[in-house]
Each structure stands twice: as structure tokens, then as C-alpha cells.
C-alpha atoms as a PDB file:
ATOM      1  CA  MET A   1      42.234  17.849 -29.325  1.00  0.00           C
ATOM      2  CA  LYS A   2      41.707  14.026 -27.751  1.00  0.00           C
ATOM      3  CA  VAL A   3      40.877  15.671 -24.492  1.00  0.00           C
ATOM      4  CA  LEU A   4      38.337  18.172 -25.556  1.00  0.00           C
ATOM      5  CA  HIS A   5      36.541  14.819 -27.616  1.00  0.00           C
ATOM      6  CA  LYS A   6      36.242  13.230 -24.453  1.00  0.00           C
ATOM      7  CA  ILE A   7      35.165  16.004 -22.812  1.00  0.00           C
ATOM      8  CA  ILE A   8      32.332  16.047 -24.734  1.00  0.00           C
ATOM      9  CA  LEU A   9      31.705  13.036 -24.968  1.00  0.00           C
ATOM     10  CA  ILE A  10      31.578  12.562 -21.151  1.00  0.00           C
ATOM     11  CA  LEU A  11      29.172  16.022 -21.126  1.00  0.00           C
ATOM     12  CA  SER A  12      27.028  14.076 -23.784  1.00  0.00           C
ATOM     13  CA  VAL A  13      26.716  10.498 -21.879  1.00  0.00           C
ATOM     14  CA  LEU A  14      25.854  12.477 -18.461  1.00  0.00           C
ATOM     15  CA  ALA A  15      23.514  14.836 -20.979  1.00  0.00           C
ATOM     16  CA  ALA A  16      21.916  11.558 -22.068  1.00  0.00           C
ATOM     17  CA  LEU A  17      21.580   9.889 -18.408  1.00  0.00           C
ATOM     18  CA  ALA A  18      19.885  12.786 -17.232  1.00  0.00           C
ATOM     19  CA  ALA A  19      17.218  13.164 -19.901  1.00  0.00           C
ATOM     20  CA  ALA A  20      16.742   9.018 -18.960  1.00  0.00           C
ATOM     21  CA  MET A  21      16.014   9.802 -15.528  1.00  0.00           C
ATOM     22  CA  VAL A  22      13.932  12.755 -16.088  1.00  0.00           C
ATOM     23  CA  TYR A  23      12.031  10.773 -18.615  1.00  0.00           C
ATOM     24  CA  ASP A  24      11.759   8.042 -16.108  1.00  0.00           C
ATOM     25  CA  ALA A  25      10.135  10.063 -13.448  1.00  0.00           C
ATOM     26  CA  PHE A  26       8.173  12.222 -15.541  1.00  0.00           C
ATOM     27  CA  TYR A  27       6.504   9.661 -17.445  1.00  0.00           C
ATOM     28  CA  ALA A  28       7.977   5.936 -17.142  1.00  0.00           C
ATOM     29  CA  SER A  29       7.585   5.488 -13.188  1.00  0.00           C
ATOM     30  CA  VAL A  30       4.018   6.960 -12.856  1.00  0.00           C
ATOM     31  CA  ASN A  31       2.869   4.855 -15.640  1.00  0.00           C
ATOM     32  CA  ARG A  32       3.871   1.510 -14.432  1.00  0.00           C
ATOM     33  CA  PHE A  33       3.721  -0.919 -11.299  1.00  0.00           C
ATOM     34  CA  ALA A  34       6.606  -2.689  -9.649  1.00  0.00           C
ATOM     35  CA  VAL A  35       5.535  -6.058  -8.401  1.00  0.00           C
ATOM     36  CA  ARG A  36       7.406  -6.272  -4.830  1.00  0.00           C
ATOM     37  CA  TYR A  37       7.680  -9.995  -3.445  1.00  0.00           C
ATOM     38  CA  GLU A  38       7.669 -10.587  -0.123  1.00  0.00           C
ATOM     39  CA  THR A  39       7.265 -14.048   1.937  1.00  0.00           C
ATOM     40  CA  LEU A  40       5.901 -13.418   6.042  1.00  0.00           C
ATOM     41  CA  SER A  41       7.322 -16.508   8.173  1.00  0.00           C
ATOM     42  CA  SER A  42       6.191 -17.620  11.382  1.00  0.00           C
ATOM     43  CA  ILE A  43       5.224 -20.824  13.455  1.00  0.00           C
ATOM     44  CA  TYR A  44       1.953 -18.834  14.300  1.00  0.00           C
ATOM     45  CA  ILE A  45       1.038 -19.144  10.330  1.00  0.00           C
ATOM     46  CA  PRO A  46      -0.761 -22.389  10.334  1.00  0.00           C
ATOM     47  CA  GLU A  47       0.255 -24.705   7.461  1.00  0.00           C
ATOM     48  CA  GLN A  48      -3.773 -24.411   6.006  1.00  0.00           C
ATOM     49  CA  MET A  49      -2.606 -20.528   5.236  1.00  0.00           C
ATOM     50  CA  ASN A  50       0.892 -21.925   3.768  1.00  0.00           C
ATOM     51  CA  ASP A  51       1.367 -20.096  -0.326  1.00  0.00           C
ATOM     52  CA  VAL A  52      -1.938 -17.831   0.698  1.00  0.00           C
ATOM     53  CA  THR A  53      -0.460 -15.018  -1.629  1.00  0.00           C
ATOM     54  CA  ILE A  54      -2.153 -11.342   0.037  1.00  0.00           C
ATOM     55  CA  LEU A  55      -1.316  -8.771  -2.740  1.00  0.00           C
ATOM     56  CA  PHE A  56      -1.250  -4.862  -1.143  1.00  0.00           C
ATOM     57  CA  PHE A  57      -1.745  -1.429  -2.821  1.00  0.00           C
ATOM     58  CA  SER A  58      -2.747   2.129  -1.553  1.00  0.00           C
ATOM     59  CA  ASP A  59      -2.648   5.121  -2.554  1.00  0.00           C
ATOM     60  CA  LEU A  60      -4.646   5.246  -5.319  1.00  0.00           C
ATOM     61  CA  ASP A  61      -5.162   9.226  -5.426  1.00  0.00           C
ATOM     62  CA  TYR A  62      -7.414   9.356  -8.886  1.00  0.00           C
ATOM     63  CA  GLY A  63      -8.630  12.247 -10.378  1.00  0.00           C
ATOM     64  CA  THR A  64      -5.971  13.766 -10.813  1.00  0.00           C
ATOM     65  CA  PHE A  65      -3.106  12.055 -12.724  1.00  0.00           C
ATOM     66  CA  MET A  66      -4.591   8.592 -12.098  1.00  0.00           C
ATOM     67  CA  ASN A  67      -7.001   7.996 -14.662  1.00  0.00           C
ATOM     68  CA  SER A  68      -9.157   4.970 -15.871  1.00  0.00           C
ATOM     69  CA  ARG A  69      -6.258   4.327 -18.468  1.00  0.00           C
ATOM     70  CA  ARG A  70      -3.833   3.642 -15.336  1.00  0.00           C
ATOM     71  CA  LEU A  71      -6.330   2.580 -13.054  1.00  0.00           C
ATOM     72  CA  GLY A  72      -6.670  -0.287 -15.929  1.00  0.00           C
ATOM     73  CA  LYS A  73      -3.002  -1.012 -16.107  1.00  0.00           C
ATOM     74  CA  LEU A  74      -3.384  -1.902 -12.294  1.00  0.00           C
ATOM     75  CA  VAL A  75      -5.916  -3.931 -12.254  1.00  0.00           C
ATOM     76  CA  ASP A  76      -4.485  -5.632 -14.904  1.00  0.00           C
ATOM     77  CA  THR A  77      -1.295  -6.319 -12.969  1.00  0.00           C
ATOM     78  CA  VAL A  78      -3.376  -7.126  -9.961  1.00  0.00           C
ATOM     79  CA  ASN A  79      -5.514  -9.759 -11.680  1.00  0.00           C
ATOM     80  CA  GLU A  80      -2.087 -11.575 -13.782  1.00  0.00           C
ATOM     81  CA  LEU A  81      -0.846 -12.439 -10.035  1.00  0.00           C
ATOM     82  CA  CYS A  82      -3.724 -14.243  -8.855  1.00  0.00           C
ATOM     83  CA  PRO A  83      -3.548 -12.907  -5.542  1.00  0.00           C
ATOM     84  CA  ASP A  84      -5.407 -15.368  -2.727  1.00  0.00           C
ATOM     85  CA  ILE A  85      -6.805 -11.865  -1.145  1.00  0.00           C
ATOM     86  CA  VAL A  86      -6.147  -8.276  -1.914  1.00  0.00           C
ATOM     87  CA  ILE A  87      -6.114  -5.239   0.407  1.00  0.00           C
ATOM     88  CA  PHE A  88      -5.842  -1.357  -0.157  1.00  0.00           C
ATOM     89  CA  GLY A  89      -4.283   0.656   1.931  1.00  0.00           C
ATOM     90  CA  GLY A  90      -6.702   3.844   1.859  1.00  0.00           C
ATOM     91  CA  ASP A  91      -6.916   7.466  -0.276  1.00  0.00           C
ATOM     92  CA  LEU A  92      -9.057   6.458  -2.615  1.00  0.00           C
ATOM     93  CA  PHE A  93      -9.240   9.673  -4.458  1.00  0.00           C
ATOM     94  CA  ASP A  94      -6.781  12.389  -4.466  1.00  0.00           C
ATOM     95  CA  ASN A  95      -6.444  15.146  -1.848  1.00  0.00           C
ATOM     96  CA  ASP A  96      -6.418  17.901  -4.985  1.00  0.00           C
ATOM     97  CA  VAL A  97      -9.560  16.993  -6.660  1.00  0.00           C
ATOM     98  CA  PRO A  98     -11.749  19.836  -7.197  1.00  0.00           C
ATOM     99  CA  TYR A  99     -15.173  17.273  -7.363  1.00  0.00           C
ATOM    100  CA  ILE A 100     -15.667  14.196  -7.611  1.00  0.00           C
ATOM    101  CA  SER A 101     -18.021  13.815 -10.474  1.00  0.00           C
ATOM    102  CA  ALA A 102     -20.263  10.544 -10.834  1.00  0.00           C
ATOM    103  CA  GLY A 103     -17.920   9.223 -13.681  1.00  0.00           C
ATOM    104  CA  PHE A 104     -14.665   9.440 -11.184  1.00  0.00           C
ATOM    105  CA  THR A 105     -16.780   7.414  -8.673  1.00  0.00           C
ATOM    106  CA  GLN A 106     -18.180   4.945 -11.605  1.00  0.00           C
ATOM    107  CA  GLU A 107     -14.381   4.737 -13.085  1.00  0.00           C
ATOM    108  CA  ILE A 108     -12.972   3.170  -9.944  1.00  0.00           C
ATOM    109  CA  THR A 109     -15.881   0.790  -9.038  1.00  0.00           C
ATOM    110  CA  ASP A 110     -15.878  -0.685 -12.132  1.00  0.00           C
ATOM    111  CA  GLY A 111     -11.991  -1.051 -11.560  1.00  0.00           C
ATOM    112  CA  LEU A 112     -11.774  -1.975  -7.659  1.00  0.00           C
ATOM    113  CA  LYS A 113     -14.442  -5.011  -8.770  1.00  0.00           C
ATOM    114  CA  ARG A 114     -12.760  -6.378 -11.709  1.00  0.00           C
ATOM    115  CA  MET A 115      -9.597  -7.082  -9.210  1.00  0.00           C
ATOM    116  CA  LYS A 116     -10.331 -11.111  -8.412  1.00  0.00           C
ATOM    117  CA  ALA A 117      -9.293 -12.645  -4.885  1.00  0.00           C
ATOM    118  CA  PRO A 118     -10.991 -15.726  -4.030  1.00  0.00           C
ATOM    119  CA  LEU A 119     -10.502 -15.246  -0.473  1.00  0.00           C
ATOM    120  CA  GLY A 120     -11.452 -11.675   0.077  1.00  0.00           C
ATOM    121  CA  LYS A 121     -10.628  -8.497  -0.604  1.00  0.00           C
ATOM    122  CA  PHE A 122     -10.320  -5.260   2.880  1.00  0.00           C
ATOM    123  CA  ALA A 123      -9.622  -1.831   2.671  1.00  0.00           C
ATOM    124  CA  VAL A 124      -8.850   0.738   5.157  1.00  0.00           C
ATOM    125  CA  MET A 125      -9.546   4.376   5.336  1.00  0.00           C
ATOM    126  CA  GLY A 126      -6.703   7.076   5.022  1.00  0.00           C
ATOM    127  CA  ASP A 127      -6.598  10.767   5.646  1.00  0.00           C
ATOM    128  CA  PHE A 128      -7.607  11.922   2.174  1.00  0.00           C
ATOM    129  CA  ASP A 129     -10.964   9.349   2.256  1.00  0.00           C
ATOM    130  CA  TYR A 130     -11.950  12.086   5.033  1.00  0.00           C
ATOM    131  CA  ARG A 131     -11.422  15.299   3.543  1.00  0.00           C
ATOM    132  CA  ASN A 132     -15.364  15.860   4.030  1.00  0.00           C
ATOM    133  CA  ALA A 133     -18.404  13.735   4.789  1.00  0.00           C
ATOM    134  CA  TYR A 134     -19.106  13.379   0.636  1.00  0.00           C
ATOM    135  CA  THR A 135     -15.773  12.239   0.427  1.00  0.00           C
ATOM    136  CA  GLU A 136     -16.190  10.017   3.387  1.00  0.00           C
ATOM    137  CA  LYS A 137     -19.477   9.066   1.863  1.00  0.00           C
ATOM    138  CA  THR A 138     -18.465   7.880  -1.841  1.00  0.00           C
ATOM    139  CA  VAL A 139     -15.527   5.839  -0.571  1.00  0.00           C
ATOM    140  CA  ARG A 140     -17.142   4.059   1.568  1.00  0.00           C
ATOM    141  CA  GLN A 141     -19.577   3.385  -0.989  1.00  0.00           C
ATOM    142  CA  ILE A 142     -17.167   2.431  -3.804  1.00  0.00           C
ATOM    143  CA  LEU A 143     -15.363   0.283  -1.361  1.00  0.00           C
ATOM    144  CA  TYR A 144     -18.384  -1.443  -0.627  1.00  0.00           C
ATOM    145  CA  ASP A 145     -20.509  -1.366  -4.714  1.00  0.00           C
ATOM    146  CA  ALA A 146     -16.513  -3.296  -5.691  1.00  0.00           C
ATOM    147  CA  ASP A 147     -16.920  -5.960  -2.991  1.00  0.00           C
ATOM    148  CA  PHE A 148     -14.459  -4.746  -0.463  1.00  0.00           C
ATOM    149  CA  GLU A 149     -14.585  -4.965   3.226  1.00  0.00           C
ATOM    150  CA  LEU A 150     -13.995  -2.187   5.379  1.00  0.00           C
ATOM    151  CA  LEU A 151     -11.659  -2.820   8.150  1.00  0.00           C
ATOM    152  CA  TYR A 152     -12.698   0.163  10.377  1.00  0.00           C
ATOM    153  CA  ASN A 153     -11.137  -0.343  14.272  1.00  0.00           C
ATOM    154  CA  SER A 154     -11.899  -4.173  13.548  1.00  0.00           C
ATOM    155  CA  SER A 155     -10.689  -7.752  12.922  1.00  0.00           C
ATOM    156  CA  VAL A 156     -11.506 -10.126  11.037  1.00  0.00           C
ATOM    157  CA  LEU A 157     -10.018 -14.023  10.328  1.00  0.00           C
ATOM    158  CA  LEU A 158      -8.500 -15.137   7.225  1.00  0.00           C
ATOM    159  CA  ARG A 159      -9.296 -18.878   6.013  1.00  0.00           C
ATOM    160  CA  ASN A 160      -8.010 -21.432   2.915  1.00  0.00           C
ATOM    161  CA  THR A 161      -9.301 -24.841   3.817  1.00  0.00           C
ATOM    162  CA  GLY A 162     -10.285 -26.009   7.649  1.00  0.00           C
ATOM    163  CA  SER A 163     -11.216 -23.946  10.947  1.00  0.00           C
ATOM    164  CA  SER A 164      -7.267 -22.125  10.883  1.00  0.00           C
ATOM    165  CA  SER A 165      -6.617 -18.973  10.090  1.00  0.00           C
ATOM    166  CA  VAL A 166      -4.491 -15.629   9.892  1.00  0.00           C
ATOM    167  CA  ALA A 167      -6.137 -12.466  11.813  1.00  0.00           C
ATOM    168  CA  LEU A 168      -6.238  -9.380   9.267  1.00  0.00           C
ATOM    169  CA  THR A 169      -6.535  -6.072  11.934  1.00  0.00           C
ATOM    170  CA  GLY A 170      -6.962  -3.233  10.126  1.00  0.00           C
ATOM    171  CA  ILE A 171      -6.809   0.607  11.888  1.00  0.00           C
ATOM    172  CA  ASP A 172      -8.983   3.657  10.822  1.00  0.00           C
ATOM    173  CA  SER A 173      -6.013   6.521   9.865  1.00  0.00           C
ATOM    174  CA  GLY A 174      -4.280   8.367  12.352  1.00  0.00           C
ATOM    175  CA  LEU A 175      -4.935  11.267  10.262  1.00  0.00           C
ATOM    176  CA  ASN A 176      -8.075  12.694   9.594  1.00  0.00           C
ATOM    177  CA  GLY A 177      -9.942   9.264  10.764  1.00  0.00           C
ATOM    178  CA  HIS A 178     -10.923   7.669  13.732  1.00  0.00           C
ATOM    179  CA  PRO A 179      -8.050   5.024  14.886  1.00  0.00           C
ATOM    180  CA  ASP A 180      -9.631   3.148  18.005  1.00  0.00           C
ATOM    181  CA  ILE A 181      -6.647   0.830  18.394  1.00  0.00           C
ATOM    182  CA  ASN A 182      -8.469  -1.089  21.570  1.00  0.00           C
ATOM    183  CA  ALA A 183     -10.851  -2.051  19.775  1.00  0.00           C
ATOM    184  CA  ALA A 184      -8.965  -3.456  16.344  1.00  0.00           C
ATOM    185  CA  PHE A 185      -7.269  -5.471  18.963  1.00  0.00           C
ATOM    186  CA  ALA A 186     -10.167  -6.657  21.197  1.00  0.00           C
ATOM    187  CA  ASN A 187     -10.427  -9.671  19.366  1.00  0.00           C
ATOM    188  CA  ILE A 188      -6.787 -10.600  19.060  1.00  0.00           C
ATOM    189  CA  SER A 189      -4.850 -13.528  20.785  1.00  0.00           C
ATOM    190  CA  ARG A 190      -1.354 -14.054  20.783  1.00  0.00           C
ATOM    191  CA  ALA A 191      -2.061 -17.651  19.308  1.00  0.00           C
ATOM    192  CA  ALA A 192      -2.577 -16.125  16.037  1.00  0.00           C
ATOM    193  CA  TYR A 193      -0.046 -14.560  13.827  1.00  0.00           C
ATOM    194  CA  ASN A 194      -2.031 -10.846  13.582  1.00  0.00           C
ATOM    195  CA  LEU A 195      -1.138  -8.844   9.715  1.00  0.00           C
ATOM    196  CA  VAL A 196      -2.513  -4.928  10.718  1.00  0.00           C
ATOM    197  CA  ILE A 197      -2.970  -2.689   8.104  1.00  0.00           C
ATOM    198  CA  CYS A 198      -3.293   1.178   8.403  1.00  0.00           C
ATOM    199  CA  HIS A 199      -2.818   4.324   6.509  1.00  0.00           C
ATOM    200  CA  THR A 200      -0.544   5.761   8.131  1.00  0.00           C
ATOM    201  CA  PRO A 201       2.858   4.552   9.305  1.00  0.00           C
ATOM    202  CA  ASP A 202       3.417   6.286  12.174  1.00  0.00           C
ATOM    203  CA  THR A 203       0.412   5.057  14.143  1.00  0.00           C
ATOM    204  CA  ALA A 204       3.158   1.667  14.263  1.00  0.00           C
ATOM    205  CA  SER A 205       4.249   2.741  17.241  1.00  0.00           C
ATOM    206  CA  ASP A 206       1.037   2.478  19.272  1.00  0.00           C
ATOM    207  CA  VAL A 207      -0.063  -0.697  18.398  1.00  0.00           C
ATOM    208  CA  PRO A 208       0.695  -3.693  20.731  1.00  0.00           C
ATOM    209  CA  ALA A 209       3.899  -5.457  19.646  1.00  0.00           C
ATOM    210  CA  ASP A 210       3.248  -8.762  21.438  1.00  0.00           C
ATOM    211  CA  LEU A 211      -0.052  -8.939  19.223  1.00  0.00           C
ATOM    212  CA  THR A 212       1.117  -7.560  15.984  1.00  0.00           C
ATOM    213  CA  ASP A 213       3.912  -9.590  13.261  1.00  0.00           C
ATOM    214  CA  TYR A 214       3.644  -7.115  11.193  1.00  0.00           C
ATOM    215  CA  TYR A 215       2.218  -4.281   9.975  1.00  0.00           C
ATOM    216  CA  ILE A 216       1.343  -2.696   6.283  1.00  0.00           C
ATOM    217  CA  THR A 217       1.075   0.597   5.566  1.00  0.00           C
ATOM    218  CA  GLY A 218       1.220   3.038   3.066  1.00  0.00           C
ATOM    219  CA  HIS A 219       0.539   7.094   2.976  1.00  0.00           C
ATOM    220  CA  SER A 220       4.154   8.576   2.264  1.00  0.00           C
ATOM    221  CA  HIS A 221       4.565   7.259  -1.226  1.00  0.00           C
ATOM    222  CA  GLY A 222       7.883   6.515  -0.361  1.00  0.00           C
ATOM    223  CA  GLY A 223       8.602  10.492  -0.510  1.00  0.00           C
ATOM    224  CA  GLN A 224       7.419  10.036  -3.981  1.00  0.00           C
ATOM    225  CA  ALA A 225      10.314  11.756  -5.393  1.00  0.00           C
ATOM    226  CA  TYR A 226      13.430  10.637  -2.893  1.00  0.00           C
ATOM    227  CA  TRP A 227      17.000  12.378  -2.962  1.00  0.00           C
ATOM    228  CA  PHE A 228      18.742  11.130   0.007  1.00  0.00           C
ATOM    229  CA  LEU A 229      18.335  14.435   1.780  1.00  0.00           C
ATOM    230  CA  GLY A 230      15.165  15.422   1.030  1.00  0.00           C
ATOM    231  CA  ALA A 231      11.586  14.441  -0.837  1.00  0.00           C
ATOM    232  CA  LEU A 232       8.985  15.567  -2.774  1.00  0.00           C
ATOM    233  CA  TYR A 233       6.216  14.307  -0.614  1.00  0.00           C
ATOM    234  CA  THR A 234       6.615  14.379   3.571  1.00  0.00           C
ATOM    235  CA  PRO A 235       3.070  13.765   5.163  1.00  0.00           C
ATOM    236  CA  GLU A 236       2.231  13.963   8.740  1.00  0.00           C
ATOM    237  CA  MET A 237       2.165  10.499  10.455  1.00  0.00           C
ATOM    238  CA  ALA A 238       4.732   9.617   8.262  1.00  0.00           C
ATOM    239  CA  GLU A 239       7.645  10.962  10.268  1.00  0.00           C
ATOM    240  CA  GLU A 240       9.207   8.822  12.906  1.00  0.00           C
ATOM    241  CA  PHE A 241       8.357   5.787   9.676  1.00  0.00           C
ATOM    242  CA  PHE A 242       8.948   7.264   6.417  1.00  0.00           C
ATOM    243  CA  ARG A 243      10.162   4.389   3.592  1.00  0.00           C
ATOM    244  CA  GLY A 244      11.363   0.796   3.050  1.00  0.00           C
ATOM    245  CA  LYS A 245      10.602  -1.612   6.229  1.00  0.00           C
ATOM    246  CA  THR A 246      11.763  -1.152   9.754  1.00  0.00           C
ATOM    247  CA  SER A 247      12.047  -3.264  12.752  1.00  0.00           C
ATOM    248  CA  VAL A 248      10.280  -2.239  15.626  1.00  0.00           C
ATOM    249  CA  ARG A 249      11.905  -3.544  19.108  1.00  0.00           C
ATOM    250  CA  ASP A 250      12.868  -6.686  16.972  1.00  0.00           C
ATOM    251  CA  ILE A 251       9.235  -7.697  17.917  1.00  0.00           C
ATOM    252  CA  PHE A 252       7.639  -6.918  14.114  1.00  0.00           C
ATOM    253  CA  THR A 253       7.971  -4.791  10.933  1.00  0.00           C
ATOM    254  CA  VAL A 254       6.568  -1.804  10.095  1.00  0.00           C
ATOM    255  CA  ASP A 255       6.522  -2.270   5.582  1.00  0.00           C
ATOM    256  CA  ILE A 256       5.736   0.927   3.637  1.00  0.00           C
ATOM    257  CA  SER A 257       4.421   0.734   0.212  1.00  0.00           C
ATOM    258  CA  TYR A 258       5.525   3.728  -2.062  1.00  0.00           C
ATOM    259  CA  GLY A 259       1.277   3.353  -3.509  1.00  0.00           C
ATOM    260  CA  VAL A 260       0.302   3.275  -6.569  1.00  0.00           C
ATOM    261  CA  GLY A 261      -0.715   7.325  -7.439  1.00  0.00           C
ATOM    262  CA  THR A 262       0.517  10.242  -7.566  1.00  0.00           C
ATOM    263  CA  THR A 263      -0.326  13.650  -5.787  1.00  0.00           C
ATOM    264  CA  VAL A 264       0.960  17.773  -5.546  1.00  0.00           C
ATOM    265  CA  LYS A 265       3.406  16.366  -8.891  1.00  0.00           C
ATOM    266  CA  ASP A 266       2.956  13.856 -11.202  1.00  0.00           C
ATOM    267  CA  VAL A 267       6.105  12.601 -10.982  1.00  0.00           C
ATOM    268  CA  ARG A 268       8.102   9.041  -9.253  1.00  0.00           C
ATOM    269  CA  PHE A 269      12.015   9.144  -8.563  1.00  0.00           C
ATOM    270  CA  LEU A 270      13.556   6.650  -6.625  1.00  0.00           C
ATOM    271  CA  CYS A 271      10.107   5.191  -5.691  1.00  0.00           C
ATOM    272  CA  SER A 272       8.279   3.305  -8.318  1.00  0.00           C
ATOM    273  CA  ALA A 273       4.820   3.175  -7.467  1.00  0.00           C
ATOM    274  CA  GLU A 274       4.392  -0.301  -6.421  1.00  0.00           C
ATOM    275  CA  VAL A 275       1.907  -3.266  -5.336  1.00  0.00           C
ATOM    276  CA  VAL A 276       3.625  -5.554  -2.895  1.00  0.00           C
ATOM    277  CA  LEU A 277       2.516  -9.845  -2.806  1.00  0.00           C
ATOM    278  CA  TYR A 278       3.126 -11.632  -0.051  1.00  0.00           C
ATOM    279  CA  ARG A 279       3.409 -14.913   0.784  1.00  0.00           C
ATOM    280  CA  LEU A 280       2.683 -16.744   4.239  1.00  0.00           C
ATOM    281  CA  ARG A 281       4.900 -19.658   4.890  1.00  0.00           C
ATOM    282  CA  HIS A 282       4.860 -22.110   7.738  1.00  0.00           C
ATOM    283  CA  GLU A 283       7.347 -22.327   9.943  1.00  0.00           C
ATOM    284  CA  GLU A 284       8.273 -25.547  11.567  1.00  0.00           C
ATOM    285  CA  ILE A 285       9.681 -24.976  15.423  1.00  0.00           C
ATOM    286  CA  LEU A 286      12.748 -26.032  15.823  1.00  0.00           C
ATOM    287  CA  SER A 287      13.336 -28.871  18.321  1.00  0.00           C
ATOM    288  CA  GLN A 288      15.430 -28.548  21.135  1.00  0.00           C
END
């Protein structure tokens, strides 16, 4: 009898754990935004940029599952972190949205406009942003109206106080977009720390390694539901680099965000929706 009780107890615990995992995957993890903290240290980061924070979020995928309530929570999460700079990594609308309504457009514009970043807000386009000419035009207008500067195969210098800066290079999506790496890197020199933003992870294989310090991307959702031997979401251009952080030839790092939205199914397992807060740190040159 004692053995039977133990079996029943074990089965009850396993059933409770399974129920908790299902609840988290289909409800909790899609409605919360984890904050991942990273520190970027380099001798090329000037002292004047020390402790500047950059918040990155990607894959909003608005319209199917992401709605105004979730967007409001995302905006509150971002603003509570008080970042100096905000960067959006592409895919404003979900690809499965049959029609982009004026209501959706206004909701996203109002939400993104509420995000505060005293040193600037920037964005690149994703593959879903190019599903047709109307979507592309709408996305560009929303970003403009929400005070985001679109980096279309171009770079800008980020400054805090004084003339010292770090470079931010934006490359257009390698899937459905029009990436031009030569144009994007045209004004980049080795003298500056260069943070590269692109929606598609595998585009990292084509960037000049000697001019890239850190490559931030999204697109794959980390698989969205990941079970080690497979994943729910495995898009093109996220095959060489799929999730997590990867060192490329020990020169620069590819960092893939899990994104904030969902597509195909409203579920996340072992890859919670996230925003990433990067803190810049000046690194002293060690004397010989």
C-alpha cells in the first residue's frame, strides 16, 4: 500500500509540474517581459560613454497575439529601466495579420512614442515589415511618427557628453529586405567601437569582422518554444546563428534576442519574451 501511495504522490507531483509548465508556456511567459542585463566592455568605448545604457527589443509582431495591453506592459517595462538609448530590431506587425487597421497603427505609434530615451531611438526593418508595399510604408511611417530613426544600411554616432562616441550600424533585413553591407559600413573606422544591428542573425556571416565589435539581432524568437532537439519556430536566415550568444572567430559576438512578441502560436517555452539592457563600459589599456 505504501508503494502505491508513493506512486500516486510522484504522479501527482509530475502532473502538477506539467500543468505549471503548460500554464507558464501558454499564458505567463507570453505576458511578461524578462530583462536580460549585459555589459559591453572595450578599450574602444570612450570614457564619456561609460555607463550609457542601450535597450534592445525586437519582434513586436503586433496584431495576432500582441495587443495594446501587452504593448502597454512592454512600454512600462522599458521606461522603468530608464535607458539612454532604445533600439528596435524589426518586425513591427505579425506576418499573419490579414489587414493592418488604422487602430493598430495608432496603438503602436502611441506606444512606441511613449518610450523615453534621451540619447535617441533607432530601428531597423525586419522581414515581416516587407511583406508588401503597404506594410513597408506603414512601418516606416509609424517609426517616424514615434521618433525612431530608421537605420537603412547606414550608421550614426552615439554621443553622451562631449565629442567622443560609439558607432551604431544598422543593416537592412537579410530576408525580404535589401541589405547593403558596404553602404552600412562606409563611414566606419577601426578607431570607433561599432555596435551592429540587423534583424537577421545569419547576416553576421557577411559583416567585416575587423569593423564589428558586437552584433545584436532577433528574428528567431529563440525558437519560441524550444525543447533542445527542436523548436516551434525556425525561420530562414537564423540557421547558422539561432539562439543565445556566439563568438565569431573570437573577434565579435552575435547576440540573439528572443524578442517580445509571438507568431504562429501564442506560446513560449524555454525562451521567455525579453528586452535586453546593455551597459557600456570603458576598458583601460593594460600597461606592459
